[in-house]
Amino acid sequence: MSTPTLIGVAASRGRYSARYLQFGEEPEKLVPLLRRIWTDTFGRDTNAMAAALLAHNWWTLAINPKPRRWDRQPPVAGLGYPADTGTIRQGLLREDIDGALEWLYLLHLDQRRLVVYEASIHGHWLRHSAHHLDPVEDLFVTAPALDEGGPEMTVCTACGAVDEIDHIEVPSMAGYGHDTVTSCTRCGSSVATDPMFGDHVTRKPWPPPSTTTDGTR
């Protein structure tokens, strides 16, 4: 069963350019694949990866696509099965969704980040999650439970705190979407997001600088 998806590149003020991906996946599956494509196929060149994705509409993405008898176009090595060249879709995150779509994946070239949006029942894009293409750069990560069957843990990669996370979400002053702040209550590291400018990560030093008796550090 297909999962109609758009994949492309974020621009300023909520604009984006994207291509249609017929057999998209949920982030749990597609984000690891895109990270591998970014590393293995494009040598961590985000601009080259974006240009290749925007060159075609796609049936599906794959790291090692094999020729298939029924395909009208040959596979693109290290990337997937193209559908056609067609036209690039230009859109705004605040606009109503045009057509039956489930996911939107946007590369932020200057940040080497991938932001995922999910289609709401009201036909709008809602921010689902954000991911560094290099997972080492993620501030907060999800880890398996220490005891089998327990809930997953949210870990701060700056200080190692487990489930010591505050999250605030309010309607955005941009006029659409939400502004969010996710912060670690132990070290103060945080990720702030807004629909216009994207993410801002603040990674605090840990352990914190020691304070002397006269108040200096």
N, C-alpha and C. Protein backbone atom coordinates (compact mmCIF):
# COMPACT_ATOMS: atom_id res chain seq x y z
N MET A 1 0.85 -1.19 0.00
CA MET A 1 0.00 0.00 0.00
C MET A 1 0.88 1.24 0.00
N SER A 2 0.55 2.21 -0.85
CA SER A 2 1.39 3.39 -0.97
C SER A 2 1.17 4.35 0.19
N THR A 3 2.19 5.16 0.44
CA THR A 3 2.12 6.21 1.45
C THR A 3 2.53 7.50 0.76
N PRO A 4 1.58 8.21 0.13
CA PRO A 4 1.93 9.40 -0.66
C PRO A 4 2.65 10.44 0.19
N THR A 5 3.80 10.87 -0.31
CA THR A 5 4.71 11.70 0.46
C THR A 5 5.32 12.76 -0.45
N LEU A 6 5.69 13.90 0.14
CA LEU A 6 6.51 14.88 -0.55
C LEU A 6 7.87 14.92 0.12
N ILE A 7 8.92 15.06 -0.69
CA ILE A 7 10.27 15.16 -0.15
C ILE A 7 11.01 16.24 -0.91
N GLY A 8 11.68 17.13 -0.16
CA GLY A 8 12.33 18.23 -0.85
C GLY A 8 13.17 19.09 0.07
N VAL A 9 13.16 20.40 -0.19
CA VAL A 9 14.07 21.34 0.46
C VAL A 9 13.28 22.51 1.02
N ALA A 10 13.58 22.88 2.26
CA ALA A 10 12.95 24.03 2.89
C ALA A 10 13.59 25.32 2.40
N ALA A 11 12.77 26.36 2.29
CA ALA A 11 13.26 27.69 1.95
C ALA A 11 12.82 28.64 3.07
N SER A 12 12.90 29.93 2.83
CA SER A 12 12.59 30.90 3.88
C SER A 12 11.08 31.09 4.03
N ARG A 13 10.68 31.50 5.22
CA ARG A 13 9.30 31.88 5.53
C ARG A 13 8.28 30.79 5.19
N GLY A 14 8.66 29.55 5.48
CA GLY A 14 7.72 28.45 5.31
C GLY A 14 7.57 27.94 3.89
N ARG A 15 8.36 28.44 2.97
CA ARG A 15 8.29 27.96 1.59
C ARG A 15 9.11 26.68 1.44
N TYR A 16 8.75 25.90 0.42
CA TYR A 16 9.52 24.69 0.14
C TYR A 16 9.38 24.29 -1.32
N SER A 17 10.35 23.50 -1.78
CA SER A 17 10.32 22.86 -3.09
C SER A 17 10.38 21.36 -2.85
N ALA A 18 9.54 20.60 -3.53
CA ALA A 18 9.47 19.17 -3.22
C ALA A 18 9.07 18.35 -4.43
N ARG A 19 9.35 17.07 -4.32
CA ARG A 19 8.95 16.07 -5.31
C ARG A 19 8.02 15.05 -4.67
N TYR A 20 7.25 14.40 -5.52
CA TYR A 20 6.30 13.39 -5.06
C TYR A 20 7.01 12.05 -4.90
N LEU A 21 6.76 11.39 -3.78
CA LEU A 21 7.29 10.06 -3.49
C LEU A 21 6.11 9.14 -3.23
N GLN A 22 5.85 8.23 -4.17
CA GLN A 22 4.64 7.41 -4.09
C GLN A 22 4.64 6.49 -2.88
N PHE A 23 5.74 5.77 -2.70
CA PHE A 23 5.82 4.82 -1.59
C PHE A 23 6.76 5.37 -0.53
N GLY A 24 6.28 6.40 0.15
CA GLY A 24 7.03 6.94 1.28
C GLY A 24 6.88 6.04 2.49
N GLU A 25 7.50 6.44 3.56
CA GLU A 25 7.44 5.65 4.79
C GLU A 25 7.27 6.59 5.98
N GLU A 26 6.92 6.01 7.12
CA GLU A 26 6.91 6.78 8.35
C GLU A 26 8.34 7.13 8.73
N PRO A 27 8.53 8.18 9.55
CA PRO A 27 9.89 8.63 9.88
C PRO A 27 10.77 7.54 10.48
N GLU A 28 10.19 6.62 11.23
CA GLU A 28 10.98 5.56 11.85
C GLU A 28 11.73 4.73 10.81
N LYS A 29 11.20 4.66 9.59
CA LYS A 29 11.84 3.89 8.52
C LYS A 29 12.58 4.78 7.53
N LEU A 30 11.97 5.91 7.17
CA LEU A 30 12.56 6.72 6.10
C LEU A 30 13.74 7.56 6.59
N VAL A 31 13.71 8.04 7.82
CA VAL A 31 14.83 8.86 8.31
C VAL A 31 16.15 8.07 8.32
N PRO A 32 16.19 6.83 8.85
CA PRO A 32 17.45 6.07 8.77
C PRO A 32 17.91 5.83 7.34
N LEU A 33 16.96 5.59 6.42
CA LEU A 33 17.33 5.38 5.02
C LEU A 33 17.93 6.65 4.43
N LEU A 34 17.33 7.80 4.69
CA LEU A 34 17.85 9.05 4.17
C LEU A 34 19.23 9.37 4.76
N ARG A 35 19.43 9.04 6.02
CA ARG A 35 20.76 9.23 6.62
C ARG A 35 21.80 8.38 5.91
N ARG A 36 21.43 7.15 5.58
CA ARG A 36 22.38 6.27 4.90
C ARG A 36 22.65 6.76 3.48
N ILE A 37 21.61 7.21 2.78
CA ILE A 37 21.80 7.76 1.44
C ILE A 37 22.71 8.98 1.50
N TRP A 38 22.49 9.84 2.48
CA TRP A 38 23.31 11.05 2.64
C TRP A 38 24.78 10.68 2.86
N THR A 39 25.02 9.64 3.65
CA THR A 39 26.39 9.24 3.97
C THR A 39 27.03 8.43 2.85
N ASP A 40 26.35 7.36 2.42
CA ASP A 40 26.97 6.40 1.50
C ASP A 40 26.96 6.88 0.05
N THR A 41 25.86 7.50 -0.38
CA THR A 41 25.73 7.90 -1.78
C THR A 41 26.33 9.27 -2.05
N PHE A 42 26.12 10.21 -1.13
CA PHE A 42 26.50 11.60 -1.40
C PHE A 42 27.66 12.09 -0.53
N GLY A 43 28.26 11.19 0.24
CA GLY A 43 29.42 11.59 1.03
C GLY A 43 29.16 12.77 1.93
N ARG A 44 27.94 12.85 2.48
CA ARG A 44 27.51 13.92 3.39
C ARG A 44 27.41 15.28 2.72
N ASP A 45 27.25 15.28 1.41
CA ASP A 45 27.04 16.52 0.66
C ASP A 45 25.53 16.76 0.56
N THR A 46 25.01 17.60 1.45
CA THR A 46 23.56 17.81 1.52
C THR A 46 23.02 18.48 0.27
N ASN A 47 23.79 19.40 -0.31
CA ASN A 47 23.33 20.09 -1.51
C ASN A 47 23.21 19.13 -2.69
N ALA A 48 24.18 18.22 -2.82
CA ALA A 48 24.12 17.24 -3.91
C ALA A 48 22.93 16.30 -3.73
N MET A 49 22.68 15.90 -2.50
CA MET A 49 21.54 15.03 -2.22
C MET A 49 20.22 15.73 -2.55
N ALA A 50 20.11 17.00 -2.17
CA ALA A 50 18.89 17.75 -2.45
C ALA A 50 18.67 17.88 -3.95
N ALA A 51 19.73 18.19 -4.70
CA ALA A 51 19.60 18.33 -6.15
C ALA A 51 19.14 17.03 -6.79
N ALA A 52 19.67 15.91 -6.32
CA ALA A 52 19.29 14.61 -6.89
C ALA A 52 17.84 14.27 -6.56
N LEU A 53 17.40 14.56 -5.34
CA LEU A 53 16.01 14.29 -4.98
C LEU A 53 15.04 15.14 -5.79
N LEU A 54 15.43 16.37 -6.09
CA LEU A 54 14.54 17.28 -6.82
C LEU A 54 14.58 17.06 -8.33
N ALA A 55 15.41 16.13 -8.79
CA ALA A 55 15.52 15.89 -10.23
C ALA A 55 14.38 15.03 -10.77
N HIS A 56 13.68 14.31 -9.90
CA HIS A 56 12.62 13.39 -10.33
C HIS A 56 11.51 13.36 -9.30
N ASN A 57 10.33 12.92 -9.74
CA ASN A 57 9.38 12.30 -8.83
C ASN A 57 9.85 10.86 -8.63
N TRP A 58 9.37 10.22 -7.55
CA TRP A 58 9.92 8.92 -7.18
C TRP A 58 8.82 7.91 -6.88
N TRP A 59 9.11 6.65 -7.27
CA TRP A 59 8.27 5.56 -6.79
C TRP A 59 8.64 5.22 -5.36
N THR A 60 9.93 4.96 -5.15
CA THR A 60 10.42 4.63 -3.82
C THR A 60 11.91 4.92 -3.77
N LEU A 61 12.44 5.11 -2.57
CA LEU A 61 13.86 5.33 -2.38
C LEU A 61 14.51 4.04 -1.91
N ALA A 62 15.76 3.83 -2.32
CA ALA A 62 16.48 2.61 -1.94
C ALA A 62 17.97 2.87 -2.06
N ILE A 63 18.74 2.28 -1.16
CA ILE A 63 20.19 2.49 -1.18
C ILE A 63 20.85 1.68 -2.28
N ASN A 64 20.24 0.56 -2.68
CA ASN A 64 20.83 -0.30 -3.70
C ASN A 64 19.75 -0.81 -4.65
N PRO A 65 19.13 0.09 -5.43
CA PRO A 65 18.02 -0.33 -6.30
C PRO A 65 18.50 -1.20 -7.47
N LYS A 66 17.74 -2.24 -7.76
CA LYS A 66 18.06 -3.14 -8.87
C LYS A 66 17.13 -2.86 -10.04
N PRO A 67 17.60 -3.06 -11.27
CA PRO A 67 16.72 -2.88 -12.44
C PRO A 67 15.51 -3.81 -12.36
N ARG A 68 14.34 -3.28 -12.76
CA ARG A 68 13.11 -4.06 -12.76
C ARG A 68 12.48 -3.99 -14.14
N ARG A 69 11.93 -5.09 -14.61
CA ARG A 69 11.43 -5.16 -15.98
C ARG A 69 10.31 -4.17 -16.25
N TRP A 70 9.50 -3.88 -15.24
CA TRP A 70 8.33 -3.05 -15.47
C TRP A 70 8.60 -1.55 -15.34
N ASP A 71 9.79 -1.17 -14.92
CA ASP A 71 10.10 0.26 -14.77
C ASP A 71 10.38 0.90 -16.12
N ARG A 72 9.82 2.08 -16.35
CA ARG A 72 10.06 2.80 -17.59
C ARG A 72 11.41 3.51 -17.58
N GLN A 73 11.92 3.81 -16.38
CA GLN A 73 13.21 4.48 -16.26
C GLN A 73 14.14 3.61 -15.43
N PRO A 74 15.42 3.65 -15.72
CA PRO A 74 16.36 2.86 -14.92
C PRO A 74 16.48 3.45 -13.51
N PRO A 75 16.83 2.63 -12.54
CA PRO A 75 17.00 3.15 -11.18
C PRO A 75 18.18 4.11 -11.10
N VAL A 76 18.12 4.99 -10.12
CA VAL A 76 19.23 5.91 -9.85
C VAL A 76 20.08 5.28 -8.75
N ALA A 77 21.31 4.97 -9.08
CA ALA A 77 22.18 4.25 -8.14
C ALA A 77 22.29 5.00 -6.81
N GLY A 78 22.10 4.27 -5.73
CA GLY A 78 22.26 4.84 -4.41
C GLY A 78 21.13 5.73 -3.96
N LEU A 79 20.04 5.79 -4.76
CA LEU A 79 18.95 6.71 -4.40
C LEU A 79 17.57 6.08 -4.53
N GLY A 80 17.27 5.42 -5.66
CA GLY A 80 15.96 4.80 -5.74
C GLY A 80 15.42 4.69 -7.15
N TYR A 81 14.09 4.55 -7.22
CA TYR A 81 13.39 4.31 -8.48
C TYR A 81 12.62 5.57 -8.88
N PRO A 82 13.07 6.27 -9.95
CA PRO A 82 12.38 7.49 -10.37
C PRO A 82 11.07 7.17 -11.07
N ALA A 83 10.10 8.07 -10.93
CA ALA A 83 8.82 7.91 -11.61
C ALA A 83 8.79 8.70 -12.91
N ASP A 84 9.07 9.99 -12.84
CA ASP A 84 9.13 10.84 -14.02
C ASP A 84 9.79 12.15 -13.60
N THR A 85 10.10 12.97 -14.59
CA THR A 85 10.71 14.26 -14.26
C THR A 85 9.65 15.26 -13.82
N GLY A 86 8.55 15.38 -14.57
CA GLY A 86 7.45 16.24 -14.16
C GLY A 86 7.90 17.63 -13.78
N THR A 87 7.22 18.22 -12.82
CA THR A 87 7.57 19.56 -12.35
C THR A 87 7.77 19.53 -10.83
N ILE A 88 8.64 20.40 -10.36
CA ILE A 88 8.87 20.53 -8.92
C ILE A 88 7.70 21.26 -8.29
N ARG A 89 7.23 20.75 -7.17
CA ARG A 89 6.14 21.40 -6.45
C ARG A 89 6.70 22.52 -5.58
N GLN A 90 6.08 23.69 -5.67
CA GLN A 90 6.42 24.81 -4.82
C GLN A 90 5.26 25.02 -3.85
N GLY A 91 5.56 25.12 -2.56
CA GLY A 91 4.47 25.23 -1.61
C GLY A 91 4.81 26.08 -0.41
N LEU A 92 3.80 26.30 0.43
CA LEU A 92 3.93 27.00 1.70
C LEU A 92 3.36 26.10 2.79
N LEU A 93 4.05 26.02 3.91
CA LEU A 93 3.59 25.16 4.99
C LEU A 93 2.22 25.57 5.50
N ARG A 94 1.89 26.84 5.40
CA ARG A 94 0.61 27.31 5.94
C ARG A 94 -0.56 27.04 4.99
N GLU A 95 -0.27 26.66 3.75
CA GLU A 95 -1.33 26.41 2.78
C GLU A 95 -2.03 25.09 3.07
N ASP A 96 -3.28 24.98 2.58
CA ASP A 96 -3.98 23.71 2.65
C ASP A 96 -3.24 22.69 1.79
N ILE A 97 -3.28 21.44 2.21
CA ILE A 97 -2.61 20.37 1.47
C ILE A 97 -3.38 20.07 0.20
N ASP A 98 -2.66 20.01 -0.91
CA ASP A 98 -3.26 19.76 -2.21
C ASP A 98 -3.11 18.28 -2.56
N GLY A 99 -4.20 17.53 -2.45
CA GLY A 99 -4.15 16.11 -2.80
C GLY A 99 -4.03 15.22 -1.59
N ALA A 100 -4.04 13.92 -1.85
CA ALA A 100 -3.96 12.91 -0.78
C ALA A 100 -2.51 12.67 -0.42
N LEU A 101 -2.04 13.36 0.59
CA LEU A 101 -0.66 13.24 1.04
C LEU A 101 -0.64 12.92 2.53
N GLU A 102 0.39 12.19 2.96
CA GLU A 102 0.49 11.81 4.37
C GLU A 102 1.69 12.42 5.07
N TRP A 103 2.83 12.56 4.35
CA TRP A 103 4.05 13.05 4.99
C TRP A 103 4.74 14.07 4.09
N LEU A 104 5.50 14.96 4.73
CA LEU A 104 6.34 15.93 4.04
C LEU A 104 7.70 15.93 4.74
N TYR A 105 8.76 15.64 3.97
CA TYR A 105 10.13 15.63 4.49
C TYR A 105 10.90 16.77 3.83
N LEU A 106 11.45 17.67 4.65
CA LEU A 106 12.16 18.83 4.10
C LEU A 106 13.58 18.89 4.65
N LEU A 107 14.54 18.97 3.74
CA LEU A 107 15.94 19.18 4.11
C LEU A 107 16.19 20.65 4.37
N HIS A 108 16.88 20.95 5.48
CA HIS A 108 17.37 22.30 5.77
C HIS A 108 18.87 22.28 5.49
N LEU A 109 19.25 22.82 4.34
CA LEU A 109 20.60 22.62 3.83
C LEU A 109 21.67 23.20 4.75
N ASP A 110 21.42 24.39 5.30
CA ASP A 110 22.45 25.03 6.11
C ASP A 110 22.62 24.37 7.47
N GLN A 111 21.62 23.60 7.90
CA GLN A 111 21.68 22.96 9.22
C GLN A 111 21.93 21.46 9.14
N ARG A 112 21.92 20.91 7.93
CA ARG A 112 22.04 19.46 7.74
C ARG A 112 21.00 18.73 8.58
N ARG A 113 19.77 19.26 8.52
CA ARG A 113 18.67 18.69 9.29
C ARG A 113 17.53 18.30 8.36
N LEU A 114 16.75 17.36 8.84
CA LEU A 114 15.57 16.88 8.13
C LEU A 114 14.37 17.09 9.04
N VAL A 115 13.42 17.90 8.59
CA VAL A 115 12.22 18.18 9.38
C VAL A 115 11.04 17.47 8.72
N VAL A 116 10.27 16.77 9.54
CA VAL A 116 9.17 15.94 9.05
C VAL A 116 7.84 16.57 9.48
N TYR A 117 6.91 16.64 8.53
CA TYR A 117 5.57 17.14 8.79
C TYR A 117 4.56 16.05 8.46
N GLU A 118 3.48 16.02 9.24
CA GLU A 118 2.42 15.04 9.06
C GLU A 118 1.14 15.74 8.66
N ALA A 119 0.40 15.16 7.73
CA ALA A 119 -0.87 15.75 7.31
C ALA A 119 -1.92 15.57 8.40
N SER A 120 -2.59 16.66 8.76
CA SER A 120 -3.64 16.59 9.77
C SER A 120 -4.97 16.21 9.11
N ILE A 121 -5.95 15.86 9.93
CA ILE A 121 -7.26 15.51 9.40
C ILE A 121 -7.95 16.73 8.79
N HIS A 122 -7.43 17.92 9.10
CA HIS A 122 -8.01 19.15 8.56
C HIS A 122 -7.28 19.64 7.31
N GLY A 123 -6.34 18.83 6.81
CA GLY A 123 -5.66 19.19 5.58
C GLY A 123 -4.57 20.22 5.73
N HIS A 124 -3.89 20.23 6.89
CA HIS A 124 -2.77 21.14 7.12
C HIS A 124 -1.54 20.33 7.49
N TRP A 125 -0.36 20.93 7.26
CA TRP A 125 0.88 20.28 7.67
C TRP A 125 1.17 20.61 9.13
N LEU A 126 1.39 19.56 9.92
CA LEU A 126 1.77 19.72 11.32
C LEU A 126 3.17 19.15 11.51
N ARG A 127 4.01 19.91 12.18
CA ARG A 127 5.37 19.46 12.43
C ARG A 127 5.34 18.19 13.28
N HIS A 128 6.01 17.15 12.79
CA HIS A 128 6.06 15.87 13.50
C HIS A 128 7.36 15.71 14.27
N SER A 129 8.51 15.95 13.62
CA SER A 129 9.80 15.73 14.26
C SER A 129 10.90 16.36 13.44
N ALA A 130 12.07 16.52 14.05
CA ALA A 130 13.25 17.05 13.37
C ALA A 130 14.44 16.14 13.67
N HIS A 131 15.30 15.94 12.67
CA HIS A 131 16.39 14.97 12.80
C HIS A 131 17.64 15.53 12.13
N HIS A 132 18.77 15.48 12.83
CA HIS A 132 20.04 15.76 12.18
C HIS A 132 20.36 14.62 11.23
N LEU A 133 20.87 14.95 10.06
CA LEU A 133 21.32 13.89 9.16
C LEU A 133 22.46 13.10 9.80
N ASP A 134 23.29 13.77 10.58
CA ASP A 134 24.28 13.08 11.40
C ASP A 134 23.68 12.90 12.79
N PRO A 135 23.26 11.68 13.16
CA PRO A 135 22.55 11.51 14.43
C PRO A 135 23.37 11.90 15.65
N VAL A 136 24.71 11.97 15.51
CA VAL A 136 25.54 12.38 16.64
C VAL A 136 25.20 13.80 17.06
N GLU A 137 24.67 14.61 16.12
CA GLU A 137 24.38 16.00 16.42
C GLU A 137 23.03 16.19 17.10
N ASP A 138 22.21 15.15 17.21
CA ASP A 138 20.93 15.28 17.89
C ASP A 138 21.14 15.59 19.36
N LEU A 139 20.38 16.55 19.89
CA LEU A 139 20.50 16.90 21.30
C LEU A 139 19.74 15.92 22.18
N PHE A 140 18.51 15.60 21.80
CA PHE A 140 17.70 14.65 22.56
C PHE A 140 17.45 13.42 21.70
N VAL A 141 17.70 12.25 22.26
CA VAL A 141 17.50 11.00 21.53
C VAL A 141 16.62 10.08 22.37
N THR A 142 15.97 9.16 21.68
CA THR A 142 15.15 8.15 22.34
C THR A 142 15.94 6.86 22.47
N ALA A 143 15.95 6.30 23.67
CA ALA A 143 16.70 5.08 23.94
C ALA A 143 15.76 4.00 24.47
N PRO A 144 16.11 2.72 24.26
CA PRO A 144 15.27 1.64 24.78
C PRO A 144 15.19 1.68 26.30
N ALA A 145 14.12 1.14 26.84
CA ALA A 145 13.95 1.09 28.29
C ALA A 145 15.02 0.22 28.92
N LEU A 146 15.39 0.55 30.15
CA LEU A 146 16.37 -0.25 30.86
C LEU A 146 15.81 -1.62 31.24
N ASP A 147 14.52 -1.66 31.55
CA ASP A 147 13.87 -2.92 31.87
C ASP A 147 12.97 -3.33 30.71
N GLU A 148 13.00 -4.60 30.37
CA GLU A 148 12.25 -5.09 29.22
C GLU A 148 10.76 -4.81 29.39
N GLY A 149 10.16 -4.23 28.38
CA GLY A 149 8.75 -3.93 28.42
C GLY A 149 8.42 -2.56 28.97
N GLY A 150 9.41 -1.85 29.50
CA GLY A 150 9.17 -0.53 30.04
C GLY A 150 9.12 0.52 28.95
N PRO A 151 8.75 1.76 29.30
CA PRO A 151 8.67 2.82 28.30
C PRO A 151 10.05 3.25 27.82
N GLU A 152 10.11 3.76 26.59
CA GLU A 152 11.37 4.29 26.08
C GLU A 152 11.78 5.52 26.87
N MET A 153 13.08 5.82 26.85
CA MET A 153 13.62 6.95 27.60
C MET A 153 14.04 8.06 26.64
N THR A 154 13.90 9.30 27.08
CA THR A 154 14.44 10.44 26.35
C THR A 154 15.72 10.87 27.04
N VAL A 155 16.82 10.88 26.28
CA VAL A 155 18.14 11.12 26.86
C VAL A 155 18.72 12.41 26.29
N CYS A 156 19.24 13.27 27.16
CA CYS A 156 19.96 14.47 26.74
C CYS A 156 21.40 14.06 26.41
N THR A 157 21.84 14.28 25.18
CA THR A 157 23.19 13.87 24.79
C THR A 157 24.25 14.84 25.29
N ALA A 158 23.84 15.99 25.85
CA ALA A 158 24.83 16.92 26.41
C ALA A 158 25.30 16.48 27.78
N CYS A 159 24.35 16.05 28.65
CA CYS A 159 24.72 15.70 30.02
C CYS A 159 24.33 14.28 30.41
N GLY A 160 23.55 13.59 29.57
CA GLY A 160 23.16 12.22 29.88
C GLY A 160 21.92 12.08 30.73
N ALA A 161 21.24 13.18 31.04
CA ALA A 161 20.02 13.10 31.85
C ALA A 161 18.96 12.27 31.14
N VAL A 162 18.22 11.49 31.92
CA VAL A 162 17.19 10.61 31.38
C VAL A 162 15.82 11.11 31.84
N ASP A 163 14.95 11.39 30.88
CA ASP A 163 13.57 11.81 31.15
C ASP A 163 13.51 13.04 32.06
N GLU A 164 14.49 13.93 31.93
CA GLU A 164 14.47 15.20 32.67
C GLU A 164 14.28 16.32 31.65
N ILE A 165 13.15 16.25 30.95
CA ILE A 165 12.91 17.11 29.80
C ILE A 165 11.62 17.90 30.01
N ASP A 166 11.68 19.20 29.75
CA ASP A 166 10.50 20.05 29.72
C ASP A 166 10.19 20.41 28.27
N HIS A 167 8.90 20.49 27.96
CA HIS A 167 8.49 20.84 26.60
C HIS A 167 7.36 21.86 26.67
N ILE A 168 7.53 22.96 25.95
CA ILE A 168 6.52 24.02 25.89
C ILE A 168 6.16 24.24 24.42
N GLU A 169 4.87 24.35 24.15
CA GLU A 169 4.38 24.57 22.78
C GLU A 169 3.27 25.60 22.82
N VAL A 170 3.42 26.66 22.02
CA VAL A 170 2.41 27.73 21.97
C VAL A 170 2.17 28.09 20.51
N PRO A 171 1.00 28.67 20.20
CA PRO A 171 0.76 29.14 18.82
C PRO A 171 1.84 30.12 18.40
N SER A 172 2.32 29.96 17.18
CA SER A 172 3.44 30.77 16.72
C SER A 172 3.03 32.19 16.38
N MET A 173 3.93 33.14 16.68
CA MET A 173 3.71 34.53 16.30
C MET A 173 3.84 34.72 14.79
N ALA A 174 4.32 33.68 14.08
CA ALA A 174 4.39 33.76 12.62
C ALA A 174 3.01 33.74 11.99
N GLY A 175 2.00 33.35 12.77
CA GLY A 175 0.64 33.32 12.24
C GLY A 175 0.18 31.94 11.82
N TYR A 176 1.05 30.95 11.91
CA TYR A 176 0.68 29.58 11.59
C TYR A 176 1.62 28.65 12.35
N GLY A 177 1.17 27.43 12.60
CA GLY A 177 2.01 26.47 13.30
C GLY A 177 2.22 26.83 14.76
N HIS A 178 3.29 26.28 15.35
CA HIS A 178 3.58 26.47 16.76
C HIS A 178 5.06 26.78 16.98
N ASP A 179 5.34 27.55 18.03
CA ASP A 179 6.69 27.72 18.54
C ASP A 179 6.87 26.72 19.69
N THR A 180 8.02 26.06 19.74
CA THR A 180 8.26 25.07 20.79
C THR A 180 9.63 25.28 21.41
N VAL A 181 9.75 24.89 22.67
CA VAL A 181 11.04 24.83 23.35
C VAL A 181 11.09 23.52 24.11
N THR A 182 12.08 22.70 23.81
CA THR A 182 12.33 21.47 24.55
C THR A 182 13.67 21.62 25.25
N SER A 183 13.68 21.49 26.57
CA SER A 183 14.90 21.78 27.32
C SER A 183 15.18 20.70 28.36
N CYS A 184 16.45 20.54 28.67
CA CYS A 184 16.89 19.61 29.71
C CYS A 184 16.90 20.35 31.04
N THR A 185 16.21 19.82 32.04
CA THR A 185 16.14 20.49 33.33
C THR A 185 17.43 20.34 34.13
N ARG A 186 18.32 19.45 33.71
CA ARG A 186 19.59 19.29 34.44
C ARG A 186 20.64 20.29 33.96
N CYS A 187 20.89 20.33 32.64
CA CYS A 187 21.99 21.16 32.14
C CYS A 187 21.54 22.43 31.43
N GLY A 188 20.24 22.51 31.09
CA GLY A 188 19.74 23.71 30.42
C GLY A 188 19.88 23.71 28.91
N SER A 189 20.42 22.64 28.32
CA SER A 189 20.48 22.56 26.86
C SER A 189 19.06 22.55 26.30
N SER A 190 18.88 23.10 25.09
CA SER A 190 17.52 23.23 24.58
C SER A 190 17.48 23.23 23.06
N VAL A 191 16.30 22.93 22.54
CA VAL A 191 15.99 23.06 21.12
C VAL A 191 14.75 23.94 21.02
N ALA A 192 14.89 25.09 20.37
CA ALA A 192 13.76 25.99 20.14
C ALA A 192 13.41 25.95 18.66
N THR A 193 12.13 25.89 18.36
CA THR A 193 11.69 25.81 16.97
C THR A 193 10.58 26.82 16.70
N ASP A 194 10.53 27.27 15.46
CA ASP A 194 9.37 28.03 14.99
C ASP A 194 9.21 27.76 13.51
N PRO A 195 7.99 27.88 12.98
CA PRO A 195 7.74 27.47 11.59
C PRO A 195 8.41 28.35 10.55
N MET A 196 8.88 29.54 10.94
CA MET A 196 9.47 30.44 9.96
C MET A 196 10.98 30.24 9.84
N PHE A 197 11.67 30.10 10.98
CA PHE A 197 13.13 30.05 10.97
C PHE A 197 13.70 28.68 11.30
N GLY A 198 12.84 27.71 11.62
CA GLY A 198 13.34 26.36 11.87
C GLY A 198 13.81 26.17 13.30
N ASP A 199 14.91 25.43 13.46
CA ASP A 199 15.39 25.02 14.78
C ASP A 199 16.61 25.83 15.21
N HIS A 200 16.71 26.02 16.52
CA HIS A 200 17.92 26.61 17.10
C HIS A 200 18.31 25.75 18.29
N VAL A 201 19.49 25.14 18.22
CA VAL A 201 19.96 24.23 19.26
C VAL A 201 20.96 24.95 20.15
N THR A 202 20.75 24.88 21.45
CA THR A 202 21.69 25.43 22.43
C THR A 202 22.20 24.27 23.28
N ARG A 203 23.48 23.96 23.12
CA ARG A 203 24.08 22.85 23.86
C ARG A 203 24.98 23.43 24.96
N LYS A 204 24.57 23.27 26.22
CA LYS A 204 25.31 23.83 27.35
C LYS A 204 26.47 22.90 27.73
N PRO A 205 27.56 23.48 28.26
CA PRO A 205 28.70 22.64 28.68
C PRO A 205 28.33 21.77 29.87
N TRP A 206 28.88 20.56 29.89
CA TRP A 206 28.66 19.65 31.01
C TRP A 206 29.92 18.82 31.24
N PRO A 207 30.40 18.75 32.50
CA PRO A 207 29.86 19.44 33.68
C PRO A 207 29.96 20.95 33.53
N PRO A 208 29.11 21.69 34.27
CA PRO A 208 29.17 23.15 34.18
C PRO A 208 30.49 23.67 34.71
N PRO A 209 30.95 24.81 34.21
CA PRO A 209 32.21 25.39 34.72
C PRO A 209 32.13 25.60 36.22
N SER A 210 33.20 25.25 36.91
CA SER A 210 33.21 25.39 38.37
C SER A 210 33.28 26.86 38.75
N THR A 211 32.66 27.19 39.88
CA THR A 211 32.63 28.56 40.39
C THR A 211 33.55 28.67 41.59
N THR A 212 34.42 29.68 41.60
CA THR A 212 35.35 29.89 42.72
C THR A 212 34.63 30.59 43.86
N THR A 213 35.32 30.73 44.96
CA THR A 213 34.72 31.36 46.15
C THR A 213 34.37 32.82 45.93
N ASP A 214 35.06 33.49 44.98
CA ASP A 214 34.74 34.90 44.74
C ASP A 214 33.70 35.08 43.64
N GLY A 215 33.11 33.96 43.19
CA GLY A 215 32.03 34.04 42.21
C GLY A 215 32.47 33.98 40.77
N THR A 216 33.80 33.93 40.51
CA THR A 216 34.28 33.85 39.14
C THR A 216 34.37 32.40 38.71
N ARG A 217 34.50 32.21 37.39
CA ARG A 217 34.59 30.84 36.85
C ARG A 217 35.91 30.64 36.12
